[in-house]
Amino acid sequence: MSTVREIERRILRHLHGHRSRNHLTQIHAHLLRHHLHQSNHILSHFVSVCGSLRRMAYAHRVFLQTQHPNILLYNSMIKGYSLSPLCQMSINLFCAMKKRGIWADEFTFAPVLKSCSNLCDAKLGETVHGQVVSLGFCCFSGVKIGIVELYVNCGKMDDAGKVFDEMRERDVIVWNLMIRGFCKMGNVDMGYDLFKEMRERSIVSWNTMLSCLSKSGRDGEAMKVFHEMSDNGFEPDEATVVTMLPVCARLGEDDISQQIHSYAKSSKLYEKHVSIGNALVDFYCKRGLLDAAFMVFNNMPLKNVVSWNAMISGLAFNGEVEKGLALFDEMIKNGLNPNESTFPNAALWGALLSSCCNHGDMELAEVAVNELIILEPWNSGNYVLLSNIYAEKGKWDEVEKIRLLMMKSNISKAAGQSMIK
């Protein structure tokens, strides 16, 4: 007969095996069969695996059947919920644990702080921070990082800075948090200064700085950092490519973008991430290279609504409105539902209207202006345009309807606009 220790080892092997996702209920049944369903040691592993598989509801049902949960099991539950959308539950469990008289340890506070951070609850976080100090857990790296992340996410950079300055050893994670925090608050210079001070950087460090500079309109500096990243032996990942292609488009850096495109293909990033294809389509459209954009679009192994948006928008803004309309119809036929960014939107209908007016296609112009009125009911210019189109066609009844609609909707004609009566 197998000893209890051998059974435990076998269960743990199954739990942490690559097929645990498909066998969770069988493993649970195994626990029950061997009377291990009250073993805090085994259950803490079971809960951890449930958390990694996003099965915290299942973990909670098992937890509720435990008669004497200890700190090990509570920590697993608290951590599991801190990494889930239901992070408030980890706070609830933390409070329940204290009511039971179970003392927290260094492994409790990091996930509790993570939950406070995710909830952006600075007041609760400050209370937890106070408990960390009073219990003497400030010396643990994971807890310190949790405190910094809390204050960064809550926009309390002064408090984050105090904790950061008190840290004797600062790993790359806490540096990245501080840089992101300052940039998020609009202090990109401070974030950039911290980035320059870093002795050790990760790909996240580079991507964080590239993204912050790009979003702040500092494309030249973003390009400089990108070259530094390459010189330091870091290869671009998905986030790097998606950030740098728009920078290349704005700077007109076609050579650099071609290198990025080639790298994305050779490294299989293009095949693995639909966002890479979307960024390439957007880049080529912005550079007016529609054939290249179409080649990328047609060869994408996977497309989503953003992919279609990028191609349709690119066609419209490059004057190929009819092709954009045709592609929109094709998207619908392929079963994709438009979202708020998809054609038709105001910018695209505006591009269509401009093209129609240039080519004298008043029938399609009428359709475009009607759509613009639906999308921008507050824009008096759309009503004036439609009224003038009707006037040119001699549809005076329609002109009067537009005038009455504007009066009913309390929309005033802007100065300089001409409405034929």
Protein backbone atom coordinates (compact mmCIF):
# COMPACT_ATOMS: atom_id res chain seq x y z
CA MET A 1 0.00 0.00 0.00
CA SER A 2 1.12 3.52 -0.77
CA THR A 3 2.04 5.66 2.20
CA VAL A 4 0.32 9.04 2.75
CA ARG A 5 3.58 10.80 1.79
CA GLU A 6 3.73 8.90 -1.54
CA ILE A 7 0.09 9.75 -2.29
CA GLU A 8 0.75 13.42 -1.52
CA ARG A 9 3.77 13.43 -3.84
CA ARG A 10 1.72 11.81 -6.62
CA ILE A 11 -1.09 14.36 -6.22
CA LEU A 12 1.37 17.27 -6.27
CA ARG A 13 2.97 15.82 -9.41
CA HIS A 14 -0.46 15.72 -11.10
CA LEU A 15 -1.34 19.19 -9.84
CA HIS A 16 1.76 20.82 -11.26
CA GLY A 17 1.78 18.74 -14.45
CA HIS A 18 1.07 20.33 -17.83
CA ARG A 19 -2.30 18.55 -18.05
CA SER A 20 -3.71 19.76 -14.72
CA ARG A 21 -6.09 22.14 -16.53
CA ASN A 22 -8.03 19.17 -17.91
CA HIS A 23 -7.87 17.03 -14.78
CA LEU A 24 -8.64 19.42 -11.94
CA THR A 25 -11.89 17.72 -10.90
CA GLN A 26 -10.24 14.28 -11.05
CA ILE A 27 -7.39 15.52 -8.86
CA HIS A 28 -9.94 16.93 -6.41
CA ALA A 29 -11.72 13.55 -6.36
CA HIS A 30 -8.35 11.93 -5.64
CA LEU A 31 -7.94 14.26 -2.63
CA LEU A 32 -11.34 13.26 -1.29
CA ARG A 33 -10.74 9.55 -1.88
CA HIS A 34 -7.52 9.62 0.12
CA HIS A 35 -8.95 11.88 2.87
CA LEU A 36 -6.56 14.71 2.04
CA HIS A 37 -9.29 17.34 1.56
CA GLN A 38 -8.43 18.83 4.99
CA SER A 39 -4.68 18.97 4.34
CA ASN A 40 -3.73 22.65 4.28
CA HIS A 41 -0.43 21.80 2.58
CA ILE A 42 -2.06 19.98 -0.35
CA LEU A 43 -4.98 22.42 -0.57
CA SER A 44 -2.66 25.43 -0.76
CA HIS A 45 -1.09 23.86 -3.86
CA PHE A 46 -4.54 23.04 -5.25
CA VAL A 47 -5.70 26.64 -4.77
CA SER A 48 -2.51 28.01 -6.37
CA VAL A 49 -3.09 25.88 -9.46
CA CYS A 50 -6.76 26.98 -9.57
CA GLY A 51 -5.56 30.58 -9.48
CA SER A 52 -3.18 30.07 -12.38
CA LEU A 53 -6.02 28.45 -14.37
CA ARG A 54 -8.46 31.26 -13.48
CA ARG A 55 -10.63 28.84 -11.55
CA MET A 56 -10.88 30.79 -8.29
CA ALA A 57 -14.62 30.11 -7.94
CA TYR A 58 -13.78 26.39 -7.79
CA ALA A 59 -10.92 27.07 -5.36
CA HIS A 60 -13.29 29.04 -3.13
CA ARG A 61 -15.80 26.17 -2.96
CA VAL A 62 -13.01 23.83 -1.87
CA PHE A 63 -11.72 26.41 0.62
CA LEU A 64 -15.16 26.79 2.25
CA GLN A 65 -15.18 23.06 3.01
CA THR A 66 -11.92 23.31 4.95
CA GLN A 67 -12.49 23.14 8.70
CA HIS A 68 -9.20 24.62 9.91
CA PRO A 69 -7.54 26.73 7.21
CA ASN A 70 -4.09 28.00 8.21
CA ILE A 71 -1.93 30.90 7.03
CA LEU A 72 -0.54 28.80 4.15
CA LEU A 73 -4.00 28.18 2.69
CA TYR A 74 -5.18 31.75 3.32
CA ASN A 75 -2.10 33.11 1.55
CA SER A 76 -2.82 30.94 -1.50
CA MET A 77 -6.44 32.16 -1.61
CA ILE A 78 -5.45 35.79 -1.12
CA LYS A 79 -2.80 35.59 -3.84
CA GLY A 80 -5.15 33.80 -6.24
CA TYR A 81 -7.81 36.49 -5.91
CA SER A 82 -5.24 39.31 -6.10
CA LEU A 83 -4.40 38.13 -9.63
CA SER A 84 -8.06 37.84 -10.67
CA PRO A 85 -10.73 40.42 -11.58
CA LEU A 86 -12.27 39.76 -8.14
CA CYS A 87 -9.35 41.25 -6.19
CA GLN A 88 -11.76 42.64 -3.57
CA MET A 89 -12.19 39.04 -2.42
CA SER A 90 -8.54 38.90 -1.34
CA ILE A 91 -9.18 41.91 0.93
CA ASN A 92 -12.26 40.16 2.34
CA LEU A 93 -10.25 37.01 3.03
CA PHE A 94 -7.47 39.05 4.65
CA CYS A 95 -10.02 40.57 7.04
CA ALA A 96 -11.65 37.17 7.70
CA MET A 97 -8.24 35.67 8.45
CA LYS A 98 -7.51 38.37 11.05
CA LYS A 99 -10.89 37.79 12.70
CA ARG A 100 -9.94 34.12 13.07
CA GLY A 101 -6.84 35.19 14.94
CA ILE A 102 -4.46 34.04 12.19
CA TRP A 103 -1.43 36.31 11.95
CA ALA A 104 -0.25 37.54 8.57
CA ASP A 105 3.29 36.83 7.39
CA GLU A 106 5.54 38.28 4.68
CA PHE A 107 3.72 36.25 2.01
CA THR A 108 0.34 37.75 2.95
CA PHE A 109 1.03 41.43 2.42
CA ALA A 110 2.41 41.44 -1.14
CA PRO A 111 -0.87 40.12 -2.68
CA VAL A 112 -3.01 42.24 -0.33
CA LEU A 113 -1.12 45.35 -1.47
CA LYS A 114 -1.51 44.17 -5.08
CA SER A 115 -5.28 44.07 -4.59
CA CYS A 116 -5.33 47.56 -3.03
CA SER A 117 -3.28 48.71 -6.02
CA ASN A 118 -5.65 47.12 -8.55
CA LEU A 119 -8.60 48.70 -6.77
CA CYS A 120 -6.77 52.08 -6.63
CA ASP A 121 -7.84 52.25 -2.99
CA ALA A 122 -5.16 54.51 -1.50
CA LYS A 123 -6.89 54.80 1.89
CA LEU A 124 -7.08 51.04 2.37
CA GLY A 125 -3.55 50.68 1.02
CA GLU A 126 -2.23 53.19 3.53
CA THR A 127 -3.87 51.18 6.34
CA VAL A 128 -2.21 47.99 5.08
CA HIS A 129 1.10 49.87 4.75
CA GLY A 130 0.75 50.88 8.40
CA GLN A 131 0.25 47.24 9.42
CA VAL A 132 3.32 46.24 7.39
CA VAL A 133 5.42 48.79 9.30
CA SER A 134 4.02 47.85 12.71
CA LEU A 135 4.64 44.12 12.13
CA GLY A 136 8.15 44.71 10.79
CA PHE A 137 7.68 43.34 7.26
CA CYS A 138 9.11 46.39 5.47
CA CYS A 139 12.42 44.60 4.97
CA PHE A 140 10.97 42.12 2.45
CA SER A 141 11.54 43.05 -1.19
CA GLY A 142 8.17 41.80 -2.47
CA VAL A 143 6.33 43.86 0.18
CA LYS A 144 8.32 47.02 -0.65
CA ILE A 145 7.58 46.61 -4.36
CA GLY A 146 3.89 46.16 -3.48
CA ILE A 147 3.88 49.44 -1.51
CA VAL A 148 5.56 51.33 -4.37
CA GLU A 149 3.13 49.85 -6.91
CA LEU A 150 0.19 50.85 -4.71
CA TYR A 151 1.23 54.50 -4.53
CA VAL A 152 2.20 54.61 -8.22
CA ASN A 153 -1.19 53.23 -9.31
CA CYS A 154 -2.98 55.67 -7.02
CA GLY A 155 -1.00 58.60 -8.44
CA LYS A 156 0.70 59.33 -5.08
CA MET A 157 4.21 59.74 -6.47
CA ASP A 158 5.53 61.63 -3.42
CA ASP A 159 4.68 58.64 -1.22
CA ALA A 160 6.05 56.22 -3.81
CA GLY A 161 9.25 58.28 -3.96
CA LYS A 162 9.72 58.16 -0.17
CA VAL A 163 9.51 54.34 -0.15
CA PHE A 164 11.76 54.15 -3.22
CA ASP A 165 14.39 56.40 -1.63
CA GLU A 166 14.39 54.29 1.56
CA MET A 167 15.12 51.09 -0.39
CA ARG A 168 18.76 50.03 -0.09
CA GLU A 169 18.46 47.58 -2.96
CA ARG A 170 16.23 48.44 -5.89
CA ASP A 171 15.57 45.82 -8.51
CA VAL A 172 14.54 46.56 -12.10
CA ILE A 173 10.84 46.05 -11.28
CA VAL A 174 10.67 48.94 -8.82
CA TRP A 175 12.62 51.23 -11.18
CA ASN A 176 10.14 50.41 -13.96
CA LEU A 177 7.23 51.19 -11.63
CA MET A 178 8.65 54.61 -10.72
CA ILE A 179 9.35 55.51 -14.36
CA ARG A 180 5.84 54.48 -15.40
CA GLY A 181 4.34 56.40 -12.50
CA PHE A 182 6.07 59.69 -13.28
CA CYS A 183 5.30 59.41 -17.00
CA LYS A 184 1.65 58.58 -16.26
CA MET A 185 1.42 61.75 -14.15
CA GLY A 186 2.84 63.77 -17.05
CA ASN A 187 6.35 64.19 -15.62
CA VAL A 188 8.14 62.49 -18.49
CA ASP A 189 11.41 64.34 -17.77
CA MET A 190 11.56 62.82 -14.27
CA GLY A 191 10.77 59.39 -15.69
CA TYR A 192 13.46 59.80 -18.34
CA ASP A 193 16.01 60.93 -15.72
CA LEU A 194 15.31 57.81 -13.64
CA PHE A 195 15.62 55.65 -16.76
CA LYS A 196 19.07 57.13 -17.44
CA GLU A 197 20.13 56.35 -13.85
CA MET A 198 19.31 52.64 -14.17
CA ARG A 199 22.32 50.33 -14.02
CA GLU A 200 20.31 47.33 -15.15
CA ARG A 201 17.38 47.39 -17.56
CA SER A 202 14.88 44.82 -18.81
CA ILE A 203 12.91 44.84 -22.06
CA VAL A 204 10.03 46.25 -19.98
CA SER A 205 12.23 49.21 -19.00
CA TRP A 206 12.99 50.02 -22.64
CA ASN A 207 9.38 49.56 -23.75
CA THR A 208 8.08 51.71 -20.89
CA MET A 209 10.39 54.58 -21.85
CA LEU A 210 9.68 54.22 -25.58
CA SER A 211 5.94 54.27 -24.97
CA CYS A 212 6.11 57.30 -22.64
CA LEU A 213 8.23 59.33 -25.07
CA SER A 214 6.03 58.35 -28.01
CA LYS A 215 2.80 59.27 -26.23
CA SER A 216 4.34 62.62 -25.22
CA GLY A 217 5.15 63.50 -28.83
CA ARG A 218 8.88 63.14 -28.24
CA ASP A 219 9.46 60.92 -31.26
CA GLY A 220 13.08 61.96 -31.83
CA GLU A 221 14.01 60.94 -28.29
CA ALA A 222 12.04 57.70 -28.66
CA MET A 223 14.07 56.87 -31.76
CA LYS A 224 17.30 57.64 -29.88
CA VAL A 225 16.27 55.29 -27.05
CA PHE A 226 15.33 52.62 -29.60
CA HIS A 227 18.85 52.76 -31.09
CA GLU A 228 20.37 52.61 -27.58
CA MET A 229 18.24 49.56 -26.86
CA SER A 230 19.58 47.84 -29.98
CA ASP A 231 23.17 48.83 -29.14
CA ASN A 232 22.72 47.29 -25.68
CA GLY A 233 21.78 43.94 -27.23
CA PHE A 234 18.02 43.99 -26.58
CA GLU A 235 15.79 42.60 -29.31
CA PRO A 236 12.35 44.15 -29.91
CA ASP A 237 9.27 42.32 -28.70
CA GLU A 238 5.60 42.86 -29.57
CA ALA A 239 5.31 46.03 -27.46
CA THR A 240 8.47 47.52 -29.01
CA VAL A 241 7.25 46.98 -32.57
CA VAL A 242 3.75 48.32 -31.90
CA THR A 243 5.24 51.44 -30.25
CA MET A 244 7.98 52.16 -32.79
CA LEU A 245 6.08 51.77 -36.08
CA PRO A 246 3.90 54.87 -35.44
CA VAL A 247 7.07 56.74 -34.40
CA CYS A 248 8.70 55.73 -37.70
CA ALA A 249 5.59 56.89 -39.59
CA ARG A 250 5.63 60.32 -37.94
CA LEU A 251 9.39 60.76 -38.45
CA GLY A 252 9.35 59.36 -42.00
CA GLU A 253 11.89 56.69 -41.01
CA ASP A 254 11.08 54.21 -43.77
CA ASP A 255 14.45 52.41 -43.55
CA ILE A 256 14.07 51.75 -39.81
CA SER A 257 10.48 50.56 -40.31
CA GLN A 258 11.64 48.12 -43.00
CA GLN A 259 14.19 46.71 -40.58
CA ILE A 260 11.47 46.34 -37.94
CA HIS A 261 9.16 44.65 -40.46
CA SER A 262 11.91 42.20 -41.49
CA TYR A 263 12.71 41.42 -37.87
CA ALA A 264 9.02 40.87 -37.04
CA LYS A 265 8.82 38.29 -39.84
CA SER A 266 12.09 36.50 -39.12
CA SER A 267 11.42 36.33 -35.37
CA LYS A 268 7.85 35.01 -35.94
CA LEU A 269 6.41 37.96 -33.98
CA TYR A 270 4.25 38.73 -37.02
CA GLU A 271 2.73 35.26 -36.94
CA LYS A 272 2.16 35.18 -33.18
CA HIS A 273 0.67 38.63 -32.55
CA VAL A 274 -2.17 40.16 -34.56
CA SER A 275 -1.20 43.57 -33.13
CA ILE A 276 2.03 43.46 -35.17
CA GLY A 277 0.13 43.05 -38.44
CA ASN A 278 -2.27 45.82 -37.41
CA ALA A 279 0.64 48.18 -36.67
CA LEU A 280 2.28 47.40 -40.02
CA VAL A 281 -0.97 48.05 -41.92
CA ASP A 282 -1.40 51.33 -40.07
CA PHE A 283 2.22 52.33 -40.77
CA TYR A 284 2.09 51.66 -44.51
CA CYS A 285 -1.27 53.46 -44.82
CA LYS A 286 0.12 56.52 -43.02
CA ARG A 287 3.07 56.54 -45.41
CA GLY A 288 0.68 56.27 -48.39
CA LEU A 289 2.02 52.82 -49.36
CA LEU A 290 -1.34 51.13 -49.89
CA ASP A 291 0.02 48.20 -51.92
CA ALA A 292 2.37 47.29 -49.06
CA ALA A 293 -0.47 47.75 -46.56
CA PHE A 294 -2.74 45.45 -48.57
CA MET A 295 0.03 42.85 -48.86
CA VAL A 296 0.43 42.77 -45.06
CA PHE A 297 -3.35 42.79 -44.53
CA ASN A 298 -4.00 39.94 -46.97
CA ASN A 299 -1.14 37.82 -45.56
CA MET A 300 -2.09 38.22 -41.91
CA PRO A 301 -2.61 34.75 -40.39
CA LEU A 302 -5.22 36.23 -38.04
CA LYS A 303 -7.33 39.38 -38.33
CA ASN A 304 -9.52 41.15 -35.80
CA VAL A 305 -11.78 44.20 -36.02
CA VAL A 306 -8.76 46.47 -35.48
CA SER A 307 -7.10 44.96 -38.57
CA TRP A 308 -10.09 45.84 -40.75
CA ASN A 309 -10.36 49.29 -39.13
CA ALA A 310 -6.73 50.05 -39.95
CA MET A 311 -7.06 49.03 -43.60
CA ILE A 312 -10.42 50.73 -44.16
CA SER A 313 -9.26 53.95 -42.46
CA GLY A 314 -6.02 53.89 -44.44
CA LEU A 315 -7.88 53.60 -47.73
CA ALA A 316 -10.26 56.42 -46.85
CA PHE A 317 -7.54 58.82 -45.74
CA ASN A 318 -5.55 58.10 -48.89
CA GLY A 319 -8.52 59.04 -51.07
CA GLU A 320 -9.50 55.44 -51.90
CA VAL A 321 -12.94 55.86 -50.34
CA GLU A 322 -14.81 53.48 -52.62
CA LYS A 323 -12.27 50.73 -51.89
CA GLY A 324 -12.75 51.47 -48.21
CA LEU A 325 -16.51 51.06 -48.59
CA ALA A 326 -16.04 47.80 -50.48
CA LEU A 327 -13.71 46.49 -47.76
CA PHE A 328 -16.25 47.48 -45.12
CA ASP A 329 -18.89 45.38 -46.93
CA GLU A 330 -16.42 42.50 -47.09
CA MET A 331 -15.81 42.79 -43.36
CA ILE A 332 -19.54 42.50 -42.66
CA LYS A 333 -19.79 39.50 -45.01
CA ASN A 334 -16.96 37.86 -43.04
CA GLY A 335 -19.12 38.05 -39.93
CA LEU A 336 -17.19 40.75 -38.07
CA ASN A 337 -19.29 43.29 -36.20
CA PRO A 338 -18.07 46.89 -36.37
CA ASN A 339 -17.08 48.52 -33.09
CA GLU A 340 -16.99 52.20 -32.18
CA SER A 341 -13.70 52.62 -34.05
CA THR A 342 -14.89 50.95 -37.21
CA PHE A 343 -16.18 52.45 -40.43
CA PRO A 344 -18.57 54.17 -40.59
CA ASN A 345 -17.16 56.85 -38.31
CA ALA A 346 -17.09 60.61 -38.64
CA ALA A 347 -13.55 60.84 -39.99
CA LEU A 348 -14.19 58.25 -42.67
CA TRP A 349 -17.54 59.67 -43.71
CA GLY A 350 -15.84 63.07 -43.81
CA ALA A 351 -13.17 61.67 -46.14
CA LEU A 352 -15.88 60.11 -48.30
CA LEU A 353 -17.78 63.41 -48.42
CA SER A 354 -14.66 65.33 -49.45
CA SER A 355 -13.97 62.83 -52.22
CA CYS A 356 -17.59 62.96 -53.43
CA CYS A 357 -17.57 66.76 -53.56
CA ASN A 358 -14.28 66.73 -55.51
CA HIS A 359 -15.70 64.30 -58.07
CA GLY A 360 -19.20 65.75 -58.19
CA ASP A 361 -20.89 62.59 -56.88
CA MET A 362 -23.76 64.29 -55.07
CA GLU A 363 -25.76 61.07 -54.57
CA LEU A 364 -23.03 59.51 -52.45
CA ALA A 365 -22.34 62.89 -50.82
CA GLU A 366 -25.94 62.94 -49.63
CA VAL A 367 -25.49 59.51 -48.02
CA ALA A 368 -22.25 60.64 -46.35
CA VAL A 369 -23.75 63.80 -44.86
CA ASN A 370 -26.77 61.89 -43.55
CA GLU A 371 -24.40 59.50 -41.78
CA LEU A 372 -22.39 62.42 -40.38
CA ILE A 373 -25.55 63.93 -38.92
CA ILE A 374 -26.25 60.63 -37.12
CA LEU A 375 -22.67 60.48 -35.81
CA GLU A 376 -22.32 64.20 -35.02
CA PRO A 377 -25.82 65.54 -34.29
CA TRP A 378 -24.27 68.61 -32.62
CA ASN A 379 -22.28 69.68 -35.72
CA SER A 380 -24.20 72.43 -37.52
CA GLY A 381 -21.88 72.20 -40.54
CA ASN A 382 -23.29 68.78 -41.47
CA TYR A 383 -26.85 70.13 -41.57
CA VAL A 384 -25.79 73.10 -43.69
CA LEU A 385 -23.96 70.81 -46.14
CA LEU A 386 -26.99 68.55 -46.52
CA SER A 387 -29.31 71.53 -46.93
CA ASN A 388 -27.09 72.91 -49.69
CA ILE A 389 -26.96 69.52 -51.46
CA TYR A 390 -30.76 69.38 -51.40
CA ALA A 391 -30.94 72.97 -52.69
CA GLU A 392 -28.65 72.13 -55.62
CA LYS A 393 -30.98 69.27 -56.49
CA GLY A 394 -34.04 71.48 -56.15
CA LYS A 395 -35.40 69.49 -53.17
CA TRP A 396 -36.84 72.52 -51.38
CA ASP A 397 -39.12 70.46 -49.14
CA GLU A 398 -36.06 68.67 -47.79
CA VAL A 399 -34.28 72.01 -47.26
CA GLU A 400 -37.18 73.15 -45.10
CA LYS A 401 -37.14 69.87 -43.13
CA ILE A 402 -33.45 70.40 -42.33
CA ARG A 403 -34.14 73.98 -41.17
CA LEU A 404 -36.97 72.79 -38.91
CA LEU A 405 -34.85 69.91 -37.56
CA MET A 406 -32.09 72.36 -36.60
CA MET A 407 -34.61 74.59 -34.84
CA LYS A 408 -36.16 71.62 -33.01
CA SER A 409 -32.73 70.35 -31.94
CA ASN A 410 -31.64 73.88 -30.92
CA ILE A 411 -28.69 73.79 -33.34
CA SER A 412 -27.48 77.18 -34.52
CA LYS A 413 -25.69 77.79 -37.82
CA ALA A 414 -22.09 78.80 -37.18
CA ALA A 415 -20.87 82.19 -38.38
CA GLY A 416 -19.72 82.12 -42.01
CA GLN A 417 -21.91 79.11 -42.95
CA SER A 418 -24.39 79.62 -45.78
CA MET A 419 -27.73 77.84 -45.81
CA ILE A 420 -29.83 78.43 -48.92
CA LYS A 421 -33.46 79.08 -48.06
